[in-house]
Amino acid sequence: MKPSGNVAPLIERYFTERLMRQRNVSPNTIASYRDTFRLLFKFAQARLRKPPSALVLDDLDAPCVSAFLADLEAQRGVSVRTRNLRLTAIRSFFRFISYEEPAHGALIQRVLAIPSKRHDKRQVYFLTRPEIEAILNAPDRATWLGRRDHTLLQLAAQTGLRLSELINLDRDAIHLGAGAHVRCIGKGRKERCTPLTLQMRVALQAWLKEPARRSASALFPNLHGGRLSADSVQAFLAKYVRAATEACPSLASKRVSPHVLRHSAAMELLQAGVDCSVIALWLGHESIETTQTYLHAHLSLKEAALAKLAPYEPDKPIRFRAGDRLLAFLEAL
C-alpha cells in the first residue's frame, strides 16, 4: 500500500475518476490540465531533486506552487492569463484531494488561497472587409491545397468558429439544404449550429465535390487524409497574410491569427445591428459578458453614441486657487 499523501495515485485518480468519469470533461480540458501538472512536476523535480513519482503532498505546498507560477512568468515568459489558467487546474486538483486527504487540510487551504493575478484586458483586434477579402484572394485556387485553404478561411471569417472547431469538423457537419448550416461541438461539449450565407454555401458545395483524400472524414484534411493541426493552419494563414499585404498594406501593421478571423466575424455581426445576446449564441460564448468586449472595441459605435449627446456649454473660467499641500501630494501619486 502506498503511503498516505503520495501524489502519483492521487493525480491518477483525479484524471481518471474526477475529470474523465465523473465530470466527463472535453479532451481539450484534459490536455490543458495534463500540461499544467507535467510542468509543475518537472519544476518540483528540479527544485527538490525528487522524481515526480516520489512526490508527496507536503512537497507541493503553497510556497512551491507560488514559486512555480512565478517561474512560468519569469523563465517561460507566459502571460498573466496563462498563469491564471495553470492555477485554475492546480486549484481543481487540490479541491479534489481535500476530500481524499482531509489530514492535509491546512496545506490544501493555503494552496487554494493563492490568488489569481489581475491583468490588463486587451482590446479585441479585428480585420476590415477589404483586409479579409485580400487574405481570401491570396490562396492559389488552381491547386487542391489552395482551394482547401480558401474554403477553410472563408468559413472561419463567415461563421466565427474557433480554430479547434474548424479542424475537428467532419464532412457530415455541413448541411446545405434548406436552412444551410454547419454543426460543431464547442467548448464545454456544447453543440451549436451556425447558419451559412449563400456565398459560403456555394463554396462548400464546390469543396465537397472534391475527392476525399484517402477516404478522409475530416472536412479539411491534410495531404495524407488526416486532420490538420492548429500549427499548420496558423502557418498557412501567416503565409497568405504576407502575400495579401501587397494588395492591402494595412495588414502589415496587424497580427493576424485564426482567432482574429473569429473576432472579425463578431464585429461584422455587430456592425449589422445584431444584438449581443444573439452574437453570444452565434459564437458559443458561455456568458454575454464575453461578447460585450466587442462593444468596447467598436469605435464607430462609440462615435455614433457621442454624436447623439448635446455639447457642454462652458461656464465662465474659474480663477485658480492653490489647494491643500497634502491633497496635492495625493493627487500627484
C-alpha atoms as a PDB file:
ATOM      1  CA  MET A   1       0.000   0.000   0.000  1.00  0.00           C
ATOM      2  CA  LYS A   2       1.367   3.408  -0.962  1.00  0.00           C
ATOM      3  CA  PRO A   3       1.964   5.920   1.815  1.00  0.00           C
ATOM      4  CA  SER A   4      -0.726   8.485   2.556  1.00  0.00           C
ATOM      5  CA  GLY A   5      -0.199  11.730   0.682  1.00  0.00           C
ATOM      6  CA  ASN A   6       1.697  10.239  -2.243  1.00  0.00           C
ATOM      7  CA  VAL A   7       0.918  12.425  -5.275  1.00  0.00           C
ATOM      8  CA  ALA A   8       1.109   9.762  -8.018  1.00  0.00           C
ATOM      9  CA  PRO A   9      -2.034   7.753  -7.127  1.00  0.00           C
ATOM     10  CA  LEU A  10      -3.913  10.957  -6.311  1.00  0.00           C
ATOM     11  CA  ILE A  11      -3.169  12.528  -9.689  1.00  0.00           C
ATOM     12  CA  GLU A  12      -4.149   9.293 -11.452  1.00  0.00           C
ATOM     13  CA  ARG A  13      -7.498   9.177  -9.628  1.00  0.00           C
ATOM     14  CA  TYR A  14      -8.023  12.883 -10.259  1.00  0.00           C
ATOM     15  CA  PHE A  15      -7.726  12.455 -14.034  1.00  0.00           C
ATOM     16  CA  THR A  16      -9.473   9.087 -14.439  1.00  0.00           C
ATOM     17  CA  GLU A  17     -12.175   9.387 -11.772  1.00  0.00           C
ATOM     18  CA  ARG A  18     -12.896  13.078 -11.296  1.00  0.00           C
ATOM     19  CA  LEU A  19     -12.222  14.585 -14.715  1.00  0.00           C
ATOM     20  CA  MET A  20     -12.964  11.712 -17.104  1.00  0.00           C
ATOM     21  CA  ARG A  21     -15.607   9.595 -15.367  1.00  0.00           C
ATOM     22  CA  GLN A  22     -17.425  11.964 -13.008  1.00  0.00           C
ATOM     23  CA  ARG A  23     -17.199  15.253 -14.898  1.00  0.00           C
ATOM     24  CA  ASN A  24     -16.722  13.888 -18.445  1.00  0.00           C
ATOM     25  CA  VAL A  25     -14.647  16.928 -19.429  1.00  0.00           C
ATOM     26  CA  SER A  26     -13.540  17.526 -23.001  1.00  0.00           C
ATOM     27  CA  PRO A  27     -10.241  16.225 -24.437  1.00  0.00           C
ATOM     28  CA  ASN A  28      -9.051  19.843 -24.665  1.00  0.00           C
ATOM     29  CA  THR A  29      -9.508  20.286 -20.905  1.00  0.00           C
ATOM     30  CA  ILE A  30      -7.687  17.018 -20.225  1.00  0.00           C
ATOM     31  CA  ALA A  31      -4.789  18.161 -22.429  1.00  0.00           C
ATOM     32  CA  SER A  32      -4.606  21.581 -20.760  1.00  0.00           C
ATOM     33  CA  TYR A  33      -4.643  20.160 -17.217  1.00  0.00           C
ATOM     34  CA  ARG A  34      -2.150  17.439 -18.200  1.00  0.00           C
ATOM     35  CA  ASP A  35       0.302  20.073 -19.446  1.00  0.00           C
ATOM     36  CA  THR A  36      -0.096  22.055 -16.227  1.00  0.00           C
ATOM     37  CA  PHE A  37       0.850  19.136 -13.995  1.00  0.00           C
ATOM     38  CA  ARG A  38       3.626  17.999 -16.299  1.00  0.00           C
ATOM     39  CA  LEU A  39       5.198  21.451 -15.924  1.00  0.00           C
ATOM     40  CA  LEU A  40       4.559  21.533 -12.160  1.00  0.00           C
ATOM     41  CA  PHE A  41       6.141  18.121 -11.558  1.00  0.00           C
ATOM     42  CA  LYS A  42       9.186  18.956 -13.679  1.00  0.00           C
ATOM     43  CA  PHE A  43       9.592  22.185 -11.697  1.00  0.00           C
ATOM     44  CA  ALA A  44       9.263  20.324  -8.379  1.00  0.00           C
ATOM     45  CA  GLN A  45      11.765  17.708  -9.563  1.00  0.00           C
ATOM     46  CA  ALA A  46      14.360  20.385 -10.336  1.00  0.00           C
ATOM     47  CA  ARG A  47      13.618  22.258  -7.091  1.00  0.00           C
ATOM     48  CA  LEU A  48      13.527  19.278  -4.725  1.00  0.00           C
ATOM     49  CA  ARG A  49      15.673  16.789  -6.677  1.00  0.00           C
ATOM     50  CA  LYS A  50      12.966  14.145  -6.344  1.00  0.00           C
ATOM     51  CA  PRO A  51      11.401  12.190  -9.223  1.00  0.00           C
ATOM     52  CA  PRO A  52       7.723  13.084  -9.790  1.00  0.00           C
ATOM     53  CA  SER A  53       6.568   9.565  -8.773  1.00  0.00           C
ATOM     54  CA  ALA A  54       8.156  10.090  -5.339  1.00  0.00           C
ATOM     55  CA  LEU A  55       6.495  13.451  -4.623  1.00  0.00           C
ATOM     56  CA  VAL A  56       4.175  13.741  -1.618  1.00  0.00           C
ATOM     57  CA  LEU A  57       1.616  16.447  -0.895  1.00  0.00           C
ATOM     58  CA  ASP A  58       3.928  18.193   1.564  1.00  0.00           C
ATOM     59  CA  ASP A  59       6.283  18.838  -1.376  1.00  0.00           C
ATOM     60  CA  LEU A  60       3.554  20.730  -3.256  1.00  0.00           C
ATOM     61  CA  ASP A  61       2.843  23.304  -0.575  1.00  0.00           C
ATOM     62  CA  ALA A  62       1.835  26.915  -1.188  1.00  0.00           C
ATOM     63  CA  PRO A  63       5.438  28.247  -1.427  1.00  0.00           C
ATOM     64  CA  CYS A  64       6.263  25.593  -4.040  1.00  0.00           C
ATOM     65  CA  VAL A  65       3.140  26.322  -6.114  1.00  0.00           C
ATOM     66  CA  SER A  66       3.730  30.080  -5.849  1.00  0.00           C
ATOM     67  CA  ALA A  67       7.344  29.631  -6.958  1.00  0.00           C
ATOM     68  CA  PHE A  68       6.147  27.517  -9.896  1.00  0.00           C
ATOM     69  CA  LEU A  69       3.714  30.233 -11.017  1.00  0.00           C
ATOM     70  CA  ALA A  70       6.428  32.874 -10.714  1.00  0.00           C
ATOM     71  CA  ASP A  71       8.800  30.677 -12.725  1.00  0.00           C
ATOM     72  CA  LEU A  72       6.213  30.348 -15.507  1.00  0.00           C
ATOM     73  CA  GLU A  73       6.163  34.127 -15.914  1.00  0.00           C
ATOM     74  CA  ALA A  74       9.857  34.797 -15.388  1.00  0.00           C
ATOM     75  CA  GLN A  75      11.505  31.871 -17.189  1.00  0.00           C
ATOM     76  CA  ARG A  76       8.893  30.702 -19.690  1.00  0.00           C
ATOM     77  CA  GLY A  77       7.502  34.166 -20.418  1.00  0.00           C
ATOM     78  CA  VAL A  78       3.834  33.168 -20.180  1.00  0.00           C
ATOM     79  CA  SER A  79       1.135  35.810 -19.886  1.00  0.00           C
ATOM     80  CA  VAL A  80      -0.783  36.507 -16.676  1.00  0.00           C
ATOM     81  CA  ARG A  81      -3.833  34.945 -18.308  1.00  0.00           C
ATOM     82  CA  THR A  82      -1.927  31.680 -18.914  1.00  0.00           C
ATOM     83  CA  ARG A  83      -0.517  31.771 -15.385  1.00  0.00           C
ATOM     84  CA  ASN A  84      -4.076  32.047 -14.039  1.00  0.00           C
ATOM     85  CA  LEU A  85      -5.216  29.110 -16.189  1.00  0.00           C
ATOM     86  CA  ARG A  86      -2.428  26.957 -14.719  1.00  0.00           C
ATOM     87  CA  LEU A  87      -3.518  27.997 -11.232  1.00  0.00           C
ATOM     88  CA  THR A  88      -7.121  27.045 -12.043  1.00  0.00           C
ATOM     89  CA  ALA A  89      -6.013  23.484 -12.857  1.00  0.00           C
ATOM     90  CA  ILE A  90      -3.970  23.248  -9.645  1.00  0.00           C
ATOM     91  CA  ARG A  91      -6.898  24.520  -7.557  1.00  0.00           C
ATOM     92  CA  SER A  92      -9.187  21.929  -9.133  1.00  0.00           C
ATOM     93  CA  PHE A  93      -6.788  19.143  -8.098  1.00  0.00           C
ATOM     94  CA  PHE A  94      -6.450  20.453  -4.542  1.00  0.00           C
ATOM     95  CA  ARG A  95     -10.225  20.727  -4.153  1.00  0.00           C
ATOM     96  CA  PHE A  96     -10.393  17.073  -5.190  1.00  0.00           C
ATOM     97  CA  ILE A  97      -7.783  15.952  -2.648  1.00  0.00           C
ATOM     98  CA  SER A  98      -9.438  17.947   0.132  1.00  0.00           C
ATOM     99  CA  TYR A  99     -11.898  15.019   0.255  1.00  0.00           C
ATOM    100  CA  GLU A 100      -9.303  12.338  -0.418  1.00  0.00           C
ATOM    101  CA  GLU A 101      -6.719  13.544   2.116  1.00  0.00           C
ATOM    102  CA  PRO A 102      -8.508  15.590   4.810  1.00  0.00           C
ATOM    103  CA  ALA A 103      -5.470  15.274   7.106  1.00  0.00           C
ATOM    104  CA  HIS A 104      -3.686  17.712   4.779  1.00  0.00           C
ATOM    105  CA  GLY A 105      -6.484  20.283   5.086  1.00  0.00           C
ATOM    106  CA  ALA A 106      -4.258  23.151   6.248  1.00  0.00           C
ATOM    107  CA  LEU A 107      -1.798  22.691   3.355  1.00  0.00           C
ATOM    108  CA  ILE A 108      -4.670  22.412   0.867  1.00  0.00           C
ATOM    109  CA  GLN A 109      -6.372  25.580   2.089  1.00  0.00           C
ATOM    110  CA  ARG A 110      -3.134  27.567   1.794  1.00  0.00           C
ATOM    111  CA  VAL A 111      -2.751  26.450  -1.834  1.00  0.00           C
ATOM    112  CA  LEU A 112      -6.396  27.267  -2.581  1.00  0.00           C
ATOM    113  CA  ALA A 113      -5.840  30.725  -1.085  1.00  0.00           C
ATOM    114  CA  ILE A 114      -3.213  31.633  -3.721  1.00  0.00           C
ATOM    115  CA  PRO A 115      -4.930  34.467  -5.626  1.00  0.00           C
ATOM    116  CA  SER A 116      -5.279  34.885  -9.348  1.00  0.00           C
ATOM    117  CA  LYS A 117      -3.428  37.871 -10.762  1.00  0.00           C
ATOM    118  CA  ARG A 118      -5.315  40.793 -12.186  1.00  0.00           C
ATOM    119  CA  HIS A 119      -4.299  41.723 -15.687  1.00  0.00           C
ATOM    120  CA  ASP A 120      -4.969  44.293 -18.348  1.00  0.00           C
ATOM    121  CA  LYS A 121      -7.825  43.375 -20.655  1.00  0.00           C
ATOM    122  CA  ARG A 122      -6.506  43.820 -24.152  1.00  0.00           C
ATOM    123  CA  GLN A 123      -8.651  45.387 -26.819  1.00  0.00           C
ATOM    124  CA  VAL A 124     -10.083  42.980 -29.358  1.00  0.00           C
ATOM    125  CA  TYR A 125      -8.324  43.100 -32.737  1.00  0.00           C
ATOM    126  CA  PHE A 126     -10.277  42.523 -35.917  1.00  0.00           C
ATOM    127  CA  LEU A 127      -9.976  42.908 -39.692  1.00  0.00           C
ATOM    128  CA  THR A 128     -11.912  45.141 -42.039  1.00  0.00           C
ATOM    129  CA  ARG A 129     -13.824  43.737 -45.003  1.00  0.00           C
ATOM    130  CA  PRO A 130     -11.109  44.747 -47.558  1.00  0.00           C
ATOM    131  CA  GLU A 131      -8.441  43.057 -45.399  1.00  0.00           C
ATOM    132  CA  ILE A 132     -10.447  39.827 -45.176  1.00  0.00           C
ATOM    133  CA  GLU A 133     -11.057  39.825 -48.928  1.00  0.00           C
ATOM    134  CA  ALA A 134      -7.346  40.361 -49.613  1.00  0.00           C
ATOM    135  CA  ILE A 135      -6.481  37.310 -47.480  1.00  0.00           C
ATOM    136  CA  LEU A 136      -9.157  35.180 -49.148  1.00  0.00           C
ATOM    137  CA  ASN A 137      -7.788  36.110 -52.571  1.00  0.00           C
ATOM    138  CA  ALA A 138      -4.255  35.005 -51.661  1.00  0.00           C
ATOM    139  CA  PRO A 139      -4.583  31.167 -51.959  1.00  0.00           C
ATOM    140  CA  ASP A 140      -3.956  29.713 -55.414  1.00  0.00           C
ATOM    141  CA  ARG A 141      -7.310  28.095 -56.187  1.00  0.00           C
ATOM    142  CA  ALA A 142      -5.843  26.287 -59.185  1.00  0.00           C
ATOM    143  CA  THR A 143      -4.418  23.767 -56.682  1.00  0.00           C
ATOM    144  CA  TRP A 144      -6.143  21.417 -54.223  1.00  0.00           C
ATOM    145  CA  LEU A 145      -4.309  22.980 -51.272  1.00  0.00           C
ATOM    146  CA  GLY A 146      -5.272  26.474 -52.365  1.00  0.00           C
ATOM    147  CA  ARG A 147      -8.945  25.532 -52.681  1.00  0.00           C
ATOM    148  CA  ARG A 148      -8.888  23.850 -49.276  1.00  0.00           C
ATOM    149  CA  ASP A 149      -7.225  26.800 -47.585  1.00  0.00           C
ATOM    150  CA  HIS A 150      -9.515  29.333 -49.279  1.00  0.00           C
ATOM    151  CA  THR A 151     -12.655  27.448 -48.209  1.00  0.00           C
ATOM    152  CA  LEU A 152     -11.419  26.982 -44.635  1.00  0.00           C
ATOM    153  CA  LEU A 153     -10.532  30.662 -44.226  1.00  0.00           C
ATOM    154  CA  GLN A 154     -13.781  31.779 -45.809  1.00  0.00           C
ATOM    155  CA  LEU A 155     -15.736  29.549 -43.417  1.00  0.00           C
ATOM    156  CA  ALA A 156     -13.747  30.906 -40.456  1.00  0.00           C
ATOM    157  CA  ALA A 157     -14.404  34.518 -41.443  1.00  0.00           C
ATOM    158  CA  GLN A 158     -18.135  33.944 -42.022  1.00  0.00           C
ATOM    159  CA  THR A 159     -19.015  31.711 -39.072  1.00  0.00           C
ATOM    160  CA  GLY A 160     -16.506  32.793 -36.421  1.00  0.00           C
ATOM    161  CA  LEU A 161     -15.759  29.173 -35.485  1.00  0.00           C
ATOM    162  CA  ARG A 162     -12.809  28.593 -33.174  1.00  0.00           C
ATOM    163  CA  LEU A 163      -9.705  27.025 -34.698  1.00  0.00           C
ATOM    164  CA  SER A 164     -10.233  23.802 -32.731  1.00  0.00           C
ATOM    165  CA  GLU A 165     -13.814  23.649 -34.014  1.00  0.00           C
ATOM    166  CA  LEU A 166     -12.722  24.171 -37.626  1.00  0.00           C
ATOM    167  CA  ILE A 167     -10.083  21.457 -37.731  1.00  0.00           C
ATOM    168  CA  ASN A 168     -12.406  18.960 -35.998  1.00  0.00           C
ATOM    169  CA  LEU A 169     -15.253  19.418 -38.485  1.00  0.00           C
ATOM    170  CA  ASP A 170     -16.295  16.328 -40.438  1.00  0.00           C
ATOM    171  CA  ARG A 171     -17.859  16.367 -43.877  1.00  0.00           C
ATOM    172  CA  ASP A 172     -21.241  15.406 -42.453  1.00  0.00           C
ATOM    173  CA  ALA A 173     -21.236  18.511 -40.225  1.00  0.00           C
ATOM    174  CA  ILE A 174     -22.217  20.602 -43.268  1.00  0.00           C
ATOM    175  CA  HIS A 175     -25.909  20.821 -44.192  1.00  0.00           C
ATOM    176  CA  LEU A 176     -26.538  22.584 -47.498  1.00  0.00           C
ATOM    177  CA  GLY A 177     -30.290  22.104 -47.950  1.00  0.00           C
ATOM    178  CA  ALA A 178     -32.980  24.447 -46.640  1.00  0.00           C
ATOM    179  CA  GLY A 179     -31.590  26.319 -43.639  1.00  0.00           C
ATOM    180  CA  ALA A 180     -27.961  25.624 -44.598  1.00  0.00           C
ATOM    181  CA  HIS A 181     -25.712  25.480 -41.549  1.00  0.00           C
ATOM    182  CA  VAL A 182     -22.606  23.979 -40.018  1.00  0.00           C
ATOM    183  CA  ARG A 183     -22.855  21.953 -36.815  1.00  0.00           C
ATOM    184  CA  CYS A 184     -19.958  21.831 -34.377  1.00  0.00           C
ATOM    185  CA  ILE A 185     -19.105  20.818 -30.817  1.00  0.00           C
ATOM    186  CA  GLY A 186     -17.607  23.783 -28.997  1.00  0.00           C
ATOM    187  CA  LYS A 187     -16.222  24.479 -25.548  1.00  0.00           C
ATOM    188  CA  GLY A 188     -17.837  22.576 -22.728  1.00  0.00           C
ATOM    189  CA  ARG A 189     -19.098  19.955 -25.216  1.00  0.00           C
ATOM    190  CA  LYS A 190     -21.848  22.371 -26.286  1.00  0.00           C
ATOM    191  CA  GLU A 191     -23.272  21.642 -29.733  1.00  0.00           C
ATOM    192  CA  ARG A 192     -24.358  24.595 -31.846  1.00  0.00           C
ATOM    193  CA  CYS A 193     -25.450  25.262 -35.416  1.00  0.00           C
ATOM    194  CA  THR A 194     -24.240  28.308 -37.326  1.00  0.00           C
ATOM    195  CA  PRO A 195     -26.087  29.428 -40.475  1.00  0.00           C
ATOM    196  CA  LEU A 196     -24.275  29.780 -43.790  1.00  0.00           C
ATOM    197  CA  THR A 197     -24.543  32.590 -46.318  1.00  0.00           C
ATOM    198  CA  LEU A 198     -25.442  31.809 -49.919  1.00  0.00           C
ATOM    199  CA  GLN A 199     -21.852  32.540 -50.988  1.00  0.00           C
ATOM    200  CA  MET A 200     -20.471  30.197 -48.313  1.00  0.00           C
ATOM    201  CA  ARG A 201     -22.982  27.539 -49.297  1.00  0.00           C
ATOM    202  CA  VAL A 202     -21.802  27.656 -52.931  1.00  0.00           C
ATOM    203  CA  ALA A 203     -18.148  27.473 -51.849  1.00  0.00           C
ATOM    204  CA  LEU A 204     -18.799  24.425 -49.652  1.00  0.00           C
ATOM    205  CA  GLN A 205     -20.809  22.698 -52.366  1.00  0.00           C
ATOM    206  CA  ALA A 206     -17.804  23.026 -54.678  1.00  0.00           C
ATOM    207  CA  TRP A 207     -15.400  21.855 -51.968  1.00  0.00           C
ATOM    208  CA  LEU A 208     -17.463  18.772 -51.065  1.00  0.00           C
ATOM    209  CA  LYS A 209     -17.329  17.669 -54.713  1.00  0.00           C
ATOM    210  CA  GLU A 210     -13.558  17.367 -54.382  1.00  0.00           C
ATOM    211  CA  PRO A 211     -12.476  13.716 -53.993  1.00  0.00           C
ATOM    212  CA  ALA A 212     -11.753  12.911 -50.349  1.00  0.00           C
ATOM    213  CA  ARG A 213      -8.106  12.243 -49.571  1.00  0.00           C
ATOM    214  CA  ARG A 214      -7.784   8.548 -48.656  1.00  0.00           C
ATOM    215  CA  SER A 215     -11.482   8.471 -47.734  1.00  0.00           C
ATOM    216  CA  ALA A 216     -10.884  11.154 -45.078  1.00  0.00           C
ATOM    217  CA  SER A 217     -13.880  12.062 -42.935  1.00  0.00           C
ATOM    218  CA  ALA A 218     -12.398  15.445 -41.988  1.00  0.00           C
ATOM    219  CA  LEU A 219     -13.890  18.402 -43.839  1.00  0.00           C
ATOM    220  CA  PHE A 220     -10.454  19.968 -44.268  1.00  0.00           C
ATOM    221  CA  PRO A 221      -7.888  17.123 -44.287  1.00  0.00           C
ATOM    222  CA  ASN A 222      -4.161  17.339 -44.808  1.00  0.00           C
ATOM    223  CA  LEU A 223      -2.430  15.779 -47.804  1.00  0.00           C
ATOM    224  CA  HIS A 224      -2.391  12.358 -46.100  1.00  0.00           C
ATOM    225  CA  GLY A 225      -6.083  12.382 -45.210  1.00  0.00           C
ATOM    226  CA  GLY A 226      -5.561  13.159 -41.517  1.00  0.00           C
ATOM    227  CA  ARG A 227      -6.770  16.191 -39.628  1.00  0.00           C
ATOM    228  CA  LEU A 228      -4.982  19.495 -39.913  1.00  0.00           C
ATOM    229  CA  SER A 229      -3.076  20.632 -36.845  1.00  0.00           C
ATOM    230  CA  ALA A 230      -3.556  24.067 -35.323  1.00  0.00           C
ATOM    231  CA  ASP A 231       0.058  24.921 -36.165  1.00  0.00           C
ATOM    232  CA  SER A 232      -0.406  24.120 -39.855  1.00  0.00           C
ATOM    233  CA  VAL A 233      -3.467  26.401 -40.104  1.00  0.00           C
ATOM    234  CA  GLN A 234      -1.613  29.220 -38.365  1.00  0.00           C
ATOM    235  CA  ALA A 235       1.352  28.709 -40.699  1.00  0.00           C
ATOM    236  CA  PHE A 236      -0.567  28.889 -43.956  1.00  0.00           C
ATOM    237  CA  LEU A 237      -2.666  31.817 -42.696  1.00  0.00           C
ATOM    238  CA  ALA A 238       0.555  33.736 -41.953  1.00  0.00           C
ATOM    239  CA  LYS A 239       1.779  32.897 -45.466  1.00  0.00           C
ATOM    240  CA  TYR A 240      -1.391  34.261 -47.056  1.00  0.00           C
ATOM    241  CA  VAL A 241      -1.332  37.390 -44.892  1.00  0.00           C
ATOM    242  CA  ARG A 242       2.201  38.144 -46.132  1.00  0.00           C
ATOM    243  CA  ALA A 243       1.046  37.648 -49.724  1.00  0.00           C
ATOM    244  CA  ALA A 244      -2.058  39.803 -49.192  1.00  0.00           C
ATOM    245  CA  THR A 245      -0.088  42.702 -47.696  1.00  0.00           C
ATOM    246  CA  GLU A 246       0.963  43.854 -51.154  1.00  0.00           C
ATOM    247  CA  ALA A 247      -2.671  44.370 -52.188  1.00  0.00           C
ATOM    248  CA  CYS A 248      -3.760  45.595 -48.735  1.00  0.00           C
ATOM    249  CA  PRO A 249      -0.873  47.421 -46.973  1.00  0.00           C
ATOM    250  CA  SER A 250      -2.856  47.905 -43.736  1.00  0.00           C
ATOM    251  CA  LEU A 251      -2.304  44.191 -42.992  1.00  0.00           C
ATOM    252  CA  ALA A 252       1.398  44.881 -42.429  1.00  0.00           C
ATOM    253  CA  SER A 253       0.640  46.514 -39.071  1.00  0.00           C
ATOM    254  CA  LYS A 254      -1.699  43.766 -37.822  1.00  0.00           C
ATOM    255  CA  ARG A 255      -1.035  40.439 -36.153  1.00  0.00           C
ATOM    256  CA  VAL A 256      -3.484  38.089 -37.845  1.00  0.00           C
ATOM    257  CA  SER A 257      -4.364  34.735 -36.299  1.00  0.00           C
ATOM    258  CA  PRO A 258      -7.309  32.357 -36.777  1.00  0.00           C
ATOM    259  CA  HIS A 259      -8.848  33.877 -33.643  1.00  0.00           C
ATOM    260  CA  VAL A 260      -8.694  37.334 -35.238  1.00  0.00           C
ATOM    261  CA  LEU A 261     -10.931  35.965 -38.008  1.00  0.00           C
ATOM    262  CA  ARG A 262     -13.370  34.933 -35.249  1.00  0.00           C
ATOM    263  CA  HIS A 263     -13.269  38.457 -33.833  1.00  0.00           C
ATOM    264  CA  SER A 264     -13.834  39.859 -37.323  1.00  0.00           C
ATOM    265  CA  ALA A 265     -16.969  37.721 -37.800  1.00  0.00           C
ATOM    266  CA  ALA A 266     -18.330  39.029 -34.494  1.00  0.00           C
ATOM    267  CA  MET A 267     -17.622  42.644 -35.469  1.00  0.00           C
ATOM    268  CA  GLU A 268     -19.394  42.172 -38.817  1.00  0.00           C
ATOM    269  CA  LEU A 269     -22.480  40.971 -36.935  1.00  0.00           C
ATOM    270  CA  LEU A 270     -22.239  43.894 -34.536  1.00  0.00           C
ATOM    271  CA  GLN A 271     -21.947  46.388 -37.402  1.00  0.00           C
ATOM    272  CA  ALA A 272     -25.049  44.822 -38.969  1.00  0.00           C
ATOM    273  CA  GLY A 273     -27.009  45.670 -35.804  1.00  0.00           C
ATOM    274  CA  VAL A 274     -27.243  42.133 -34.387  1.00  0.00           C
ATOM    275  CA  ASP A 275     -27.913  42.079 -30.640  1.00  0.00           C
ATOM    276  CA  CYS A 276     -25.087  40.972 -28.336  1.00  0.00           C
ATOM    277  CA  SER A 277     -27.154  38.091 -26.931  1.00  0.00           C
ATOM    278  CA  VAL A 278     -27.556  36.677 -30.444  1.00  0.00           C
ATOM    279  CA  ILE A 279     -23.834  37.092 -31.159  1.00  0.00           C
ATOM    280  CA  ALA A 280     -23.074  35.227 -27.914  1.00  0.00           C
ATOM    281  CA  LEU A 281     -25.200  32.301 -29.116  1.00  0.00           C
ATOM    282  CA  TRP A 282     -23.575  32.513 -32.570  1.00  0.00           C
ATOM    283  CA  LEU A 283     -20.045  32.311 -31.147  1.00  0.00           C
ATOM    284  CA  GLY A 284     -20.858  29.806 -28.402  1.00  0.00           C
ATOM    285  CA  HIS A 285     -19.943  32.139 -25.542  1.00  0.00           C
ATOM    286  CA  GLU A 286     -20.753  30.921 -22.042  1.00  0.00           C
ATOM    287  CA  SER A 287     -21.617  34.447 -20.900  1.00  0.00           C
ATOM    288  CA  ILE A 288     -22.814  37.545 -22.734  1.00  0.00           C
ATOM    289  CA  GLU A 289     -20.144  39.489 -20.816  1.00  0.00           C
ATOM    290  CA  THR A 290     -17.546  37.869 -23.082  1.00  0.00           C
ATOM    291  CA  THR A 291     -19.383  39.181 -26.153  1.00  0.00           C
ATOM    292  CA  GLN A 292     -19.592  42.692 -24.749  1.00  0.00           C
ATOM    293  CA  THR A 293     -15.842  43.080 -25.247  1.00  0.00           C
ATOM    294  CA  TYR A 294     -16.643  43.670 -28.924  1.00  0.00           C
ATOM    295  CA  LEU A 295     -18.685  46.728 -27.955  1.00  0.00           C
ATOM    296  CA  HIS A 296     -15.585  48.235 -26.312  1.00  0.00           C
ATOM    297  CA  ALA A 297     -13.554  47.686 -29.496  1.00  0.00           C
ATOM    298  CA  HIS A 298     -16.165  49.116 -31.889  1.00  0.00           C
ATOM    299  CA  LEU A 299     -15.077  52.751 -32.243  1.00  0.00           C
ATOM    300  CA  SER A 300     -17.762  53.738 -34.766  1.00  0.00           C
ATOM    301  CA  LEU A 301     -20.499  52.686 -32.329  1.00  0.00           C
ATOM    302  CA  LYS A 302     -18.942  54.895 -29.677  1.00  0.00           C
ATOM    303  CA  GLU A 303     -18.677  57.774 -32.144  1.00  0.00           C
ATOM    304  CA  ALA A 304     -22.351  57.360 -33.086  1.00  0.00           C
ATOM    305  CA  ALA A 305     -23.292  57.463 -29.401  1.00  0.00           C
ATOM    306  CA  LEU A 306     -21.147  60.567 -28.906  1.00  0.00           C
ATOM    307  CA  ALA A 307     -22.876  62.335 -31.797  1.00  0.00           C
ATOM    308  CA  LYS A 308     -26.227  61.981 -30.011  1.00  0.00           C
ATOM    309  CA  LEU A 309     -25.006  63.905 -26.968  1.00  0.00           C
ATOM    310  CA  ALA A 310     -25.607  67.623 -26.598  1.00  0.00           C
ATOM    311  CA  PRO A 311     -22.349  69.599 -26.310  1.00  0.00           C
ATOM    312  CA  TYR A 312     -21.421  71.120 -22.973  1.00  0.00           C
ATOM    313  CA  GLU A 313     -21.855  74.856 -22.564  1.00  0.00           C
ATOM    314  CA  PRO A 314     -18.730  76.005 -20.749  1.00  0.00           C
ATOM    315  CA  ASP A 315     -19.172  78.374 -17.805  1.00  0.00           C
ATOM    316  CA  LYS A 316     -17.002  81.396 -17.259  1.00  0.00           C
ATOM    317  CA  PRO A 317     -13.428  80.460 -16.393  1.00  0.00           C
ATOM    318  CA  ILE A 318     -12.808  79.999 -12.683  1.00  0.00           C
ATOM    319  CA  ARG A 319      -9.853  81.703 -11.076  1.00  0.00           C
ATOM    320  CA  PHE A 320      -7.215  79.190  -9.956  1.00  0.00           C
ATOM    321  CA  ARG A 321      -6.772  78.740  -6.216  1.00  0.00           C
ATOM    322  CA  ALA A 322      -3.964  76.678  -4.760  1.00  0.00           C
ATOM    323  CA  GLY A 323      -5.185  73.555  -2.982  1.00  0.00           C
ATOM    324  CA  ASP A 324      -4.040  71.896   0.192  1.00  0.00           C
ATOM    325  CA  ARG A 325      -0.476  70.544   0.042  1.00  0.00           C
ATOM    326  CA  LEU A 326      -1.414  67.132   1.349  1.00  0.00           C
ATOM    327  CA  LEU A 327      -4.255  66.751  -1.166  1.00  0.00           C
ATOM    328  CA  ALA A 328      -1.968  67.915  -3.948  1.00  0.00           C
ATOM    329  CA  PHE A 329       0.561  65.250  -2.949  1.00  0.00           C
ATOM    330  CA  LEU A 330      -2.102  62.522  -3.038  1.00  0.00           C
ATOM    331  CA  GLU A 331      -3.441  63.689  -6.384  1.00  0.00           C
ATOM    332  CA  ALA A 332       0.073  63.580  -7.849  1.00  0.00           C
ATOM    333  CA  LEU A 333       0.534  59.874  -6.991  1.00  0.00           C
END
